[in-house]
Each structure stands twice: as C-alpha cells, then as structure tokens.
Amino acid sequence: MANIKSAKKRILVDRRNAERNKAVKSCVKTAVKKVYAAIEDGNKAEAEAALKNATSIISKAKSKGVFHAKTASRKISRLTLAVNKLD
C-alpha cells in the first residue's frame, strides 16, 4: 500500500482512468460486433450505417487516448474492407 500522498492520489486516478478506458473499449467492441453482425446477415445498408457509427466511436476512443492512432486506423480499415466486400 502506498504511504506517500501523491502515490495514493495516483492510485485513485489510475483506477478512474482504467474504468473509463474499459467503458470506451467495451463500446468499441459492441460497435464492431454490430458491423460484423450486419455483414453476416448480408444487409449492406445496415452494415454501412453500423460502420459509420463504429468509425465515429473508434475515432473518439483514439482522441481520448484509449487507442493508439495506428490501432484505431487498423480497426477502421479492416471494418471498411469487410463492408466493401459485401456486394
């Protein structure tokens, strides 16, 4: 257990940030699953709408620092390719 005041505060801040990051990552996973579910159904219009939503959520996660920029780009790229193959 931390004895120094700044170390105690750091523990609290890390816990709060971890909870926020976990919530954001969970939201991203849900959005990605919705895109793949629409692809499985073969519904192009629904997949494109879900892709637009997922792209927005992933970009927000990147701007908050939850995802590295290249990780976010890779996720968006893979989703876009999967939707574009749906013809």
N, C-alpha and C. Protein backbone atom coordinates (compact mmCIF):
# COMPACT_ATOMS: atom_id res chain seq x y z
N MET A 1 0.85 -1.19 0.00
CA MET A 1 0.00 0.00 0.00
C MET A 1 0.89 1.24 0.00
N ALA A 2 0.45 2.26 -0.71
CA ALA A 2 1.22 3.49 -0.83
C ALA A 2 1.17 4.29 0.48
N ASN A 3 2.29 4.89 0.82
CA ASN A 3 2.36 5.72 2.03
C ASN A 3 2.38 7.20 1.69
N ILE A 4 2.90 7.52 0.53
CA ILE A 4 3.05 8.92 0.14
C ILE A 4 1.72 9.42 -0.45
N LYS A 5 1.39 10.66 -0.11
CA LYS A 5 0.11 11.24 -0.52
C LYS A 5 -0.07 11.24 -2.04
N SER A 6 0.99 11.60 -2.76
CA SER A 6 0.88 11.65 -4.23
C SER A 6 0.70 10.25 -4.81
N ALA A 7 1.29 9.24 -4.18
CA ALA A 7 1.14 7.87 -4.65
C ALA A 7 -0.29 7.38 -4.41
N LYS A 8 -0.88 7.77 -3.29
CA LYS A 8 -2.28 7.41 -3.00
C LYS A 8 -3.21 8.04 -4.03
N LYS A 9 -2.94 9.31 -4.36
CA LYS A 9 -3.75 10.00 -5.35
C LYS A 9 -3.60 9.34 -6.72
N ARG A 10 -2.36 8.96 -7.04
CA ARG A 10 -2.08 8.31 -8.33
C ARG A 10 -2.88 7.02 -8.48
N ILE A 11 -3.01 6.27 -7.38
CA ILE A 11 -3.79 5.03 -7.40
C ILE A 11 -5.24 5.33 -7.74
N LEU A 12 -5.80 6.36 -7.12
CA LEU A 12 -7.19 6.74 -7.37
C LEU A 12 -7.38 7.18 -8.83
N VAL A 13 -6.46 7.99 -9.32
CA VAL A 13 -6.55 8.50 -10.68
C VAL A 13 -6.43 7.34 -11.69
N ASP A 14 -5.49 6.43 -11.43
CA ASP A 14 -5.31 5.28 -12.33
C ASP A 14 -6.57 4.41 -12.37
N ARG A 15 -7.18 4.22 -11.19
CA ARG A 15 -8.41 3.42 -11.13
C ARG A 15 -9.53 4.07 -11.95
N ARG A 16 -9.67 5.40 -11.78
CA ARG A 16 -10.71 6.13 -12.51
C ARG A 16 -10.47 6.04 -14.02
N ASN A 17 -9.23 6.24 -14.44
CA ASN A 17 -8.90 6.19 -15.87
C ASN A 17 -9.10 4.78 -16.43
N ALA A 18 -8.76 3.76 -15.65
CA ALA A 18 -8.93 2.38 -16.10
C ALA A 18 -10.41 2.07 -16.33
N GLU A 19 -11.26 2.57 -15.44
CA GLU A 19 -12.71 2.35 -15.60
C GLU A 19 -13.22 3.04 -16.86
N ARG A 20 -12.75 4.27 -17.09
CA ARG A 20 -13.17 5.00 -18.30
C ARG A 20 -12.70 4.26 -19.55
N ASN A 21 -11.44 3.85 -19.54
CA ASN A 21 -10.88 3.15 -20.70
C ASN A 21 -11.63 1.85 -20.96
N LYS A 22 -11.98 1.15 -19.90
CA LYS A 22 -12.71 -0.12 -20.04
C LYS A 22 -14.08 0.13 -20.67
N ALA A 23 -14.75 1.18 -20.25
CA ALA A 23 -16.07 1.51 -20.80
C ALA A 23 -15.97 1.86 -22.28
N VAL A 24 -14.94 2.64 -22.64
CA VAL A 24 -14.77 3.04 -24.04
C VAL A 24 -14.45 1.83 -24.91
N LYS A 25 -13.55 0.96 -24.43
CA LYS A 25 -13.19 -0.24 -25.18
C LYS A 25 -14.39 -1.15 -25.37
N SER A 26 -15.23 -1.26 -24.34
CA SER A 26 -16.42 -2.08 -24.43
C SER A 26 -17.38 -1.53 -25.49
N CYS A 27 -17.51 -0.22 -25.52
CA CYS A 27 -18.37 0.44 -26.51
C CYS A 27 -17.86 0.18 -27.93
N VAL A 28 -16.53 0.23 -28.10
CA VAL A 28 -15.93 -0.04 -29.41
C VAL A 28 -16.21 -1.49 -29.83
N LYS A 29 -16.03 -2.43 -28.90
CA LYS A 29 -16.26 -3.84 -29.22
C LYS A 29 -17.71 -4.08 -29.64
N THR A 30 -18.64 -3.43 -28.94
CA THR A 30 -20.06 -3.58 -29.27
C THR A 30 -20.34 -3.04 -30.67
N ALA A 31 -19.77 -1.89 -31.00
CA ALA A 31 -19.98 -1.29 -32.32
C ALA A 31 -19.41 -2.17 -33.42
N VAL A 32 -18.23 -2.75 -33.17
CA VAL A 32 -17.60 -3.63 -34.16
C VAL A 32 -18.44 -4.88 -34.36
N LYS A 33 -18.97 -5.43 -33.26
CA LYS A 33 -19.81 -6.63 -33.36
C LYS A 33 -21.06 -6.35 -34.19
N LYS A 34 -21.62 -5.14 -34.05
CA LYS A 34 -22.81 -4.78 -34.81
C LYS A 34 -22.50 -4.74 -36.31
N VAL A 35 -21.31 -4.26 -36.66
CA VAL A 35 -20.91 -4.21 -38.07
C VAL A 35 -20.81 -5.63 -38.61
N TYR A 36 -20.12 -6.50 -37.89
CA TYR A 36 -19.94 -7.88 -38.36
C TYR A 36 -21.26 -8.65 -38.38
N ALA A 37 -22.17 -8.33 -37.46
CA ALA A 37 -23.49 -8.97 -37.45
C ALA A 37 -24.27 -8.58 -38.72
N ALA A 38 -24.18 -7.32 -39.09
CA ALA A 38 -24.85 -6.86 -40.31
C ALA A 38 -24.24 -7.50 -41.54
N ILE A 39 -22.92 -7.70 -41.53
CA ILE A 39 -22.24 -8.36 -42.65
C ILE A 39 -22.69 -9.81 -42.75
N GLU A 40 -22.79 -10.48 -41.60
CA GLU A 40 -23.25 -11.88 -41.58
C GLU A 40 -24.65 -12.01 -42.18
N ASP A 41 -25.50 -11.03 -41.89
CA ASP A 41 -26.87 -11.05 -42.43
C ASP A 41 -26.90 -10.69 -43.91
N GLY A 42 -25.83 -10.12 -44.40
CA GLY A 42 -25.77 -9.72 -45.81
C GLY A 42 -26.50 -8.42 -46.09
N ASN A 43 -26.76 -7.66 -45.06
CA ASN A 43 -27.50 -6.40 -45.20
C ASN A 43 -26.50 -5.24 -45.38
N LYS A 44 -26.31 -4.84 -46.63
CA LYS A 44 -25.30 -3.81 -46.95
C LYS A 44 -25.65 -2.46 -46.33
N ALA A 45 -26.90 -2.04 -46.41
CA ALA A 45 -27.30 -0.73 -45.88
C ALA A 45 -27.10 -0.67 -44.37
N GLU A 46 -27.50 -1.72 -43.69
CA GLU A 46 -27.35 -1.76 -42.23
C GLU A 46 -25.86 -1.81 -41.85
N ALA A 47 -25.07 -2.54 -42.63
CA ALA A 47 -23.63 -2.64 -42.37
C ALA A 47 -22.96 -1.29 -42.54
N GLU A 48 -23.36 -0.54 -43.56
CA GLU A 48 -22.76 0.78 -43.79
C GLU A 48 -23.13 1.75 -42.67
N ALA A 49 -24.36 1.67 -42.19
CA ALA A 49 -24.79 2.53 -41.08
C ALA A 49 -24.01 2.17 -39.82
N ALA A 50 -23.86 0.88 -39.57
CA ALA A 50 -23.11 0.42 -38.39
C ALA A 50 -21.64 0.79 -38.52
N LEU A 51 -21.11 0.74 -39.74
CA LEU A 51 -19.71 1.11 -39.99
C LEU A 51 -19.48 2.58 -39.67
N LYS A 52 -20.40 3.42 -40.11
CA LYS A 52 -20.28 4.86 -39.84
C LYS A 52 -20.26 5.12 -38.34
N ASN A 53 -21.14 4.44 -37.61
CA ASN A 53 -21.21 4.60 -36.16
C ASN A 53 -19.93 4.07 -35.49
N ALA A 54 -19.47 2.91 -35.93
CA ALA A 54 -18.26 2.31 -35.35
C ALA A 54 -17.03 3.18 -35.62
N THR A 55 -16.94 3.73 -36.82
CA THR A 55 -15.81 4.60 -37.17
C THR A 55 -15.77 5.81 -36.25
N SER A 56 -16.93 6.38 -35.99
CA SER A 56 -17.03 7.53 -35.10
C SER A 56 -16.58 7.18 -33.69
N ILE A 57 -17.03 6.05 -33.19
CA ILE A 57 -16.70 5.62 -31.83
C ILE A 57 -15.21 5.32 -31.71
N ILE A 58 -14.64 4.65 -32.72
CA ILE A 58 -13.21 4.33 -32.69
C ILE A 58 -12.37 5.61 -32.74
N SER A 59 -12.79 6.57 -33.56
CA SER A 59 -12.06 7.83 -33.65
C SER A 59 -12.10 8.59 -32.33
N LYS A 60 -13.24 8.56 -31.65
CA LYS A 60 -13.35 9.22 -30.36
C LYS A 60 -12.44 8.53 -29.33
N ALA A 61 -12.38 7.20 -29.39
CA ALA A 61 -11.50 6.46 -28.48
C ALA A 61 -10.04 6.83 -28.72
N LYS A 62 -9.70 7.03 -30.00
CA LYS A 62 -8.34 7.44 -30.34
C LYS A 62 -8.05 8.82 -29.78
N SER A 63 -8.97 9.74 -29.93
CA SER A 63 -8.75 11.12 -29.47
C SER A 63 -8.68 11.20 -27.95
N LYS A 64 -9.33 10.27 -27.25
CA LYS A 64 -9.27 10.24 -25.79
C LYS A 64 -8.02 9.55 -25.29
N GLY A 65 -7.28 8.93 -26.20
CA GLY A 65 -6.04 8.26 -25.80
C GLY A 65 -6.22 6.83 -25.37
N VAL A 66 -7.40 6.27 -25.59
CA VAL A 66 -7.65 4.88 -25.22
C VAL A 66 -6.97 3.95 -26.22
N PHE A 67 -7.00 4.30 -27.49
CA PHE A 67 -6.35 3.53 -28.54
C PHE A 67 -5.21 4.34 -29.15
N HIS A 68 -4.16 3.66 -29.54
CA HIS A 68 -3.08 4.28 -30.31
C HIS A 68 -3.65 4.63 -31.68
N ALA A 69 -3.11 5.64 -32.30
CA ALA A 69 -3.62 6.11 -33.59
C ALA A 69 -3.60 5.01 -34.64
N LYS A 70 -2.51 4.24 -34.70
CA LYS A 70 -2.41 3.18 -35.71
C LYS A 70 -3.36 2.02 -35.42
N THR A 71 -3.62 1.76 -34.15
CA THR A 71 -4.58 0.71 -33.79
C THR A 71 -5.97 1.11 -34.28
N ALA A 72 -6.34 2.36 -34.06
CA ALA A 72 -7.64 2.84 -34.50
C ALA A 72 -7.75 2.79 -36.02
N SER A 73 -6.70 3.20 -36.71
CA SER A 73 -6.69 3.18 -38.17
C SER A 73 -6.84 1.75 -38.69
N ARG A 74 -6.15 0.82 -38.06
CA ARG A 74 -6.21 -0.59 -38.47
C ARG A 74 -7.62 -1.14 -38.30
N LYS A 75 -8.24 -0.85 -37.16
CA LYS A 75 -9.60 -1.33 -36.90
C LYS A 75 -10.58 -0.77 -37.93
N ILE A 76 -10.48 0.53 -38.19
CA ILE A 76 -11.38 1.17 -39.16
C ILE A 76 -11.15 0.59 -40.55
N SER A 77 -9.90 0.39 -40.92
CA SER A 77 -9.56 -0.14 -42.23
C SER A 77 -10.13 -1.53 -42.43
N ARG A 78 -9.97 -2.39 -41.43
CA ARG A 78 -10.46 -3.76 -41.55
C ARG A 78 -11.98 -3.82 -41.64
N LEU A 79 -12.64 -2.97 -40.86
CA LEU A 79 -14.10 -2.92 -40.92
C LEU A 79 -14.57 -2.44 -42.29
N THR A 80 -13.91 -1.40 -42.81
CA THR A 80 -14.28 -0.85 -44.10
C THR A 80 -14.10 -1.87 -45.21
N LEU A 81 -12.98 -2.59 -45.17
CA LEU A 81 -12.74 -3.64 -46.17
C LEU A 81 -13.82 -4.71 -46.11
N ALA A 82 -14.19 -5.11 -44.92
CA ALA A 82 -15.20 -6.15 -44.75
C ALA A 82 -16.55 -5.70 -45.31
N VAL A 83 -16.90 -4.45 -45.07
CA VAL A 83 -18.18 -3.92 -45.59
C VAL A 83 -18.12 -3.78 -47.11
N ASN A 84 -16.97 -3.33 -47.63
CA ASN A 84 -16.85 -3.13 -49.08
C ASN A 84 -16.90 -4.45 -49.86
N LYS A 85 -16.51 -5.55 -49.22
CA LYS A 85 -16.56 -6.86 -49.87
C LYS A 85 -18.00 -7.35 -50.03
N LEU A 86 -18.90 -6.72 -49.32
CA LEU A 86 -20.32 -7.12 -49.33
C LEU A 86 -21.00 -6.60 -50.59
N ASP A 87 -20.96 -7.33 -51.66
CA ASP A 87 -21.67 -6.87 -52.87
C ASP A 87 -22.48 -7.94 -53.51
